């Protein structure tokens, strides 16, 4: 019988996959006059913390997107390791 993995926080099982300072990617929307496209954006992971969304505690990633001066915070579940080559 399979045992269910129990996490205290949503996204906690993903935290071990990332290190502060590494390049990550996340999905975003690009608004164009004729359509809306789903794109991948890239940035540097600044940290992982706990946050509350809709009365539920989740893991939050703080990312500094490339070309930006202000960091963003999104759910860690939405973050993936970068597929960029050196």
N, C-alpha and C. Protein backbone atom coordinates (compact mmCIF):
# COMPACT_ATOMS: atom_id res chain seq x y z
N UNK A 1 0.84 -1.19 0.00
CA UNK A 1 0.00 0.00 0.00
C UNK A 1 0.88 1.25 0.00
N UNK A 2 0.55 2.21 -0.83
CA UNK A 2 1.31 3.45 -0.89
C UNK A 2 0.96 4.36 0.26
N UNK A 3 1.98 4.90 0.85
CA UNK A 3 1.74 5.86 1.92
C UNK A 3 1.67 7.26 1.31
N UNK A 4 0.71 8.01 1.76
CA UNK A 4 0.52 9.37 1.25
C UNK A 4 1.56 10.29 1.90
N UNK A 5 2.22 11.11 1.06
CA UNK A 5 3.17 12.09 1.56
C UNK A 5 2.38 13.25 2.15
N UNK A 6 2.60 13.52 3.42
CA UNK A 6 1.86 14.60 4.08
C UNK A 6 2.77 15.80 4.27
N UNK A 7 2.39 16.91 3.68
CA UNK A 7 3.12 18.17 3.83
C UNK A 7 2.32 19.09 4.72
N UNK A 8 3.03 19.81 5.56
CA UNK A 8 2.35 20.80 6.38
C UNK A 8 1.92 21.99 5.53
N UNK A 9 2.73 22.33 4.53
CA UNK A 9 2.44 23.50 3.69
C UNK A 9 2.35 23.10 2.23
N UNK A 10 1.46 23.75 1.52
CA UNK A 10 1.33 23.51 0.08
C UNK A 10 2.61 23.98 -0.59
N UNK A 11 3.27 23.09 -1.31
CA UNK A 11 4.51 23.41 -1.99
C UNK A 11 5.76 23.02 -1.22
N UNK A 12 5.60 22.53 0.01
CA UNK A 12 6.77 22.17 0.82
C UNK A 12 7.58 21.04 0.19
N UNK A 13 6.92 20.16 -0.54
CA UNK A 13 7.64 19.04 -1.17
C UNK A 13 8.54 19.50 -2.31
N UNK A 14 8.35 20.73 -2.80
CA UNK A 14 9.15 21.27 -3.90
C UNK A 14 10.37 22.05 -3.42
N UNK A 15 10.37 22.43 -2.17
CA UNK A 15 11.40 23.34 -1.64
C UNK A 15 12.82 22.78 -1.78
N UNK A 16 12.99 21.49 -1.60
CA UNK A 16 14.33 20.88 -1.66
C UNK A 16 14.93 20.90 -3.07
N UNK A 17 14.15 21.17 -4.08
CA UNK A 17 14.62 21.17 -5.47
C UNK A 17 15.37 22.45 -5.85
N UNK A 18 15.27 23.48 -5.02
CA UNK A 18 15.81 24.79 -5.38
C UNK A 18 16.85 25.27 -4.39
N UNK A 19 17.78 26.10 -4.90
CA UNK A 19 18.78 26.76 -4.07
C UNK A 19 18.70 28.25 -4.35
N UNK A 20 18.84 29.05 -3.32
CA UNK A 20 18.85 30.50 -3.48
C UNK A 20 20.00 30.88 -4.40
N UNK A 21 19.72 31.75 -5.36
CA UNK A 21 20.73 32.22 -6.30
C UNK A 21 20.69 31.52 -7.64
N UNK A 22 19.94 30.43 -7.76
CA UNK A 22 19.91 29.76 -9.06
C UNK A 22 18.86 30.38 -9.97
N UNK A 23 19.03 30.13 -11.27
CA UNK A 23 18.12 30.67 -12.27
C UNK A 23 16.90 29.76 -12.39
N UNK A 24 15.73 30.37 -12.35
CA UNK A 24 14.47 29.64 -12.42
C UNK A 24 13.59 30.23 -13.52
N UNK A 25 12.55 29.50 -13.88
CA UNK A 25 11.57 30.02 -14.85
C UNK A 25 10.17 29.86 -14.27
N UNK A 26 9.28 30.68 -14.78
CA UNK A 26 7.89 30.66 -14.34
C UNK A 26 7.01 31.15 -15.48
N UNK A 27 5.77 30.76 -15.46
CA UNK A 27 4.85 31.15 -16.51
C UNK A 27 4.31 32.55 -16.30
N UNK A 28 4.04 33.22 -17.39
CA UNK A 28 3.47 34.57 -17.34
C UNK A 28 2.60 34.77 -18.58
N UNK A 29 1.86 35.85 -18.57
CA UNK A 29 1.00 36.19 -19.71
C UNK A 29 1.59 37.39 -20.43
N UNK A 30 1.64 37.33 -21.76
CA UNK A 30 2.08 38.45 -22.58
C UNK A 30 0.86 39.00 -23.32
N UNK A 31 0.52 40.23 -22.99
CA UNK A 31 -0.66 40.86 -23.59
C UNK A 31 -0.29 41.54 -24.90
N UNK A 32 -0.96 41.14 -25.97
CA UNK A 32 -0.78 41.74 -27.29
C UNK A 32 -2.13 42.29 -27.73
N UNK A 33 -2.13 43.25 -28.64
CA UNK A 33 -3.41 43.80 -29.09
C UNK A 33 -4.36 42.74 -29.68
N UNK A 34 -3.80 41.75 -30.36
CA UNK A 34 -4.64 40.76 -31.02
C UNK A 34 -4.88 39.48 -30.21
N UNK A 35 -4.04 39.23 -29.18
CA UNK A 35 -4.19 38.00 -28.41
C UNK A 35 -3.41 38.07 -27.10
N UNK A 36 -3.57 37.05 -26.31
CA UNK A 36 -2.82 36.89 -25.07
C UNK A 36 -2.05 35.58 -25.18
N UNK A 37 -0.73 35.64 -24.99
CA UNK A 37 0.11 34.46 -25.09
C UNK A 37 0.65 34.06 -23.73
N UNK A 38 0.81 32.77 -23.54
CA UNK A 38 1.45 32.23 -22.34
C UNK A 38 2.94 32.10 -22.66
N UNK A 39 3.79 32.71 -21.83
CA UNK A 39 5.22 32.69 -22.07
C UNK A 39 5.96 32.23 -20.82
N UNK A 40 7.24 31.92 -20.98
CA UNK A 40 8.10 31.61 -19.84
C UNK A 40 8.98 32.82 -19.56
N UNK A 41 9.08 33.18 -18.29
CA UNK A 41 9.98 34.25 -17.87
C UNK A 41 11.05 33.62 -16.99
N UNK A 42 12.18 34.30 -16.90
CA UNK A 42 13.32 33.79 -16.15
C UNK A 42 13.78 34.81 -15.13
N UNK A 43 14.38 34.31 -14.06
CA UNK A 43 14.90 35.20 -13.04
C UNK A 43 15.75 34.43 -12.06
N UNK A 44 16.23 35.14 -11.03
CA UNK A 44 17.07 34.56 -9.99
C UNK A 44 16.23 34.37 -8.74
N UNK A 45 16.31 33.18 -8.15
CA UNK A 45 15.58 32.87 -6.92
C UNK A 45 16.27 33.58 -5.76
N UNK A 46 15.55 34.48 -5.11
CA UNK A 46 16.11 35.24 -3.98
C UNK A 46 15.83 34.57 -2.65
N UNK A 47 14.76 33.80 -2.58
CA UNK A 47 14.42 33.15 -1.32
C UNK A 47 13.10 32.42 -1.40
N UNK A 48 12.89 31.55 -0.40
CA UNK A 48 11.63 30.81 -0.27
C UNK A 48 11.12 31.04 1.14
N UNK A 49 9.85 31.41 1.25
CA UNK A 49 9.28 31.70 2.56
C UNK A 49 7.85 31.15 2.63
N UNK A 50 7.26 31.27 3.79
CA UNK A 50 5.87 30.89 3.98
C UNK A 50 4.98 32.11 3.78
N UNK A 51 3.84 31.92 3.17
CA UNK A 51 2.89 33.00 2.98
C UNK A 51 1.48 32.48 3.08
N UNK A 52 0.54 33.37 3.31
CA UNK A 52 -0.86 32.97 3.44
C UNK A 52 -1.64 33.48 2.24
N UNK A 53 -2.31 32.56 1.56
CA UNK A 53 -3.17 32.87 0.43
C UNK A 53 -4.52 32.21 0.70
N UNK A 54 -5.57 33.00 0.72
CA UNK A 54 -6.91 32.48 0.98
C UNK A 54 -6.96 31.61 2.23
N UNK A 55 -6.39 32.09 3.31
CA UNK A 55 -6.39 31.44 4.62
C UNK A 55 -5.65 30.11 4.64
N UNK A 56 -4.77 29.89 3.67
CA UNK A 56 -3.96 28.67 3.63
C UNK A 56 -2.49 29.06 3.54
N UNK A 57 -1.67 28.43 4.33
CA UNK A 57 -0.24 28.71 4.31
C UNK A 57 0.41 27.90 3.20
N UNK A 58 1.18 28.61 2.36
CA UNK A 58 1.85 27.96 1.22
C UNK A 58 3.30 28.42 1.17
N UNK A 59 4.11 27.75 0.37
CA UNK A 59 5.48 28.16 0.13
C UNK A 59 5.50 29.20 -1.00
N UNK A 60 6.19 30.30 -0.77
CA UNK A 60 6.27 31.42 -1.70
C UNK A 60 7.71 31.59 -2.16
N UNK A 61 7.91 31.75 -3.46
CA UNK A 61 9.24 32.02 -4.02
C UNK A 61 9.35 33.51 -4.32
N UNK A 62 10.46 34.09 -3.91
CA UNK A 62 10.75 35.48 -4.28
C UNK A 62 11.78 35.44 -5.40
N UNK A 63 11.43 36.05 -6.53
CA UNK A 63 12.25 35.98 -7.74
C UNK A 63 12.53 37.40 -8.23
N UNK A 64 13.78 37.62 -8.66
CA UNK A 64 14.13 38.87 -9.33
C UNK A 64 14.18 38.56 -10.83
N UNK A 65 13.12 38.97 -11.57
CA UNK A 65 13.09 38.69 -13.01
C UNK A 65 14.23 39.39 -13.74
N UNK A 66 14.77 38.73 -14.76
CA UNK A 66 15.82 39.34 -15.57
C UNK A 66 15.30 40.65 -16.18
N UNK A 67 16.12 41.68 -16.13
CA UNK A 67 15.76 42.97 -16.71
C UNK A 67 14.88 43.83 -15.82
N UNK A 68 14.59 43.39 -14.62
CA UNK A 68 13.73 44.13 -13.69
C UNK A 68 14.54 44.57 -12.48
N UNK A 69 14.04 45.57 -11.76
CA UNK A 69 14.70 46.01 -10.54
C UNK A 69 13.89 45.66 -9.29
N UNK A 70 12.65 45.20 -9.50
CA UNK A 70 11.78 44.86 -8.38
C UNK A 70 11.49 43.36 -8.41
N UNK A 71 11.59 42.73 -7.25
CA UNK A 71 11.33 41.29 -7.17
C UNK A 71 9.82 41.02 -7.16
N UNK A 72 9.46 39.78 -7.47
CA UNK A 72 8.07 39.33 -7.42
C UNK A 72 7.97 38.15 -6.47
N UNK A 73 6.79 37.89 -5.98
CA UNK A 73 6.54 36.73 -5.13
C UNK A 73 5.41 35.92 -5.75
N UNK A 74 5.69 34.62 -5.98
CA UNK A 74 4.68 33.73 -6.53
C UNK A 74 4.75 32.39 -5.81
N UNK A 75 3.71 31.60 -5.96
CA UNK A 75 3.68 30.28 -5.35
C UNK A 75 4.84 29.44 -5.87
N UNK A 76 5.50 28.73 -4.97
CA UNK A 76 6.64 27.89 -5.35
C UNK A 76 6.22 26.80 -6.33
N UNK A 77 4.98 26.39 -6.29
CA UNK A 77 4.47 25.36 -7.21
C UNK A 77 4.58 25.81 -8.67
N UNK A 78 4.54 27.10 -8.92
CA UNK A 78 4.58 27.64 -10.28
C UNK A 78 6.00 27.82 -10.82
N UNK A 79 7.00 27.57 -9.99
CA UNK A 79 8.40 27.79 -10.35
C UNK A 79 9.04 26.48 -10.80
N UNK A 80 9.84 26.56 -11.85
CA UNK A 80 10.55 25.40 -12.38
C UNK A 80 12.04 25.75 -12.51
N UNK A 81 12.88 24.72 -12.55
CA UNK A 81 14.30 24.95 -12.82
C UNK A 81 14.44 25.48 -14.24
N UNK A 82 15.40 26.36 -14.44
CA UNK A 82 15.62 26.97 -15.75
C UNK A 82 16.08 25.93 -16.77
N UNK A 83 15.65 26.13 -18.00
CA UNK A 83 16.10 25.28 -19.10
C UNK A 83 17.13 26.01 -19.98
N UNK A 84 17.65 27.16 -19.49
CA UNK A 84 18.62 27.92 -20.24
C UNK A 84 19.96 27.21 -20.24
N UNK A 85 20.64 27.26 -21.35
CA UNK A 85 21.99 26.70 -21.47
C UNK A 85 23.01 27.78 -21.09
N UNK A 86 24.20 27.37 -20.71
CA UNK A 86 25.26 28.33 -20.36
C UNK A 86 25.68 29.15 -21.56
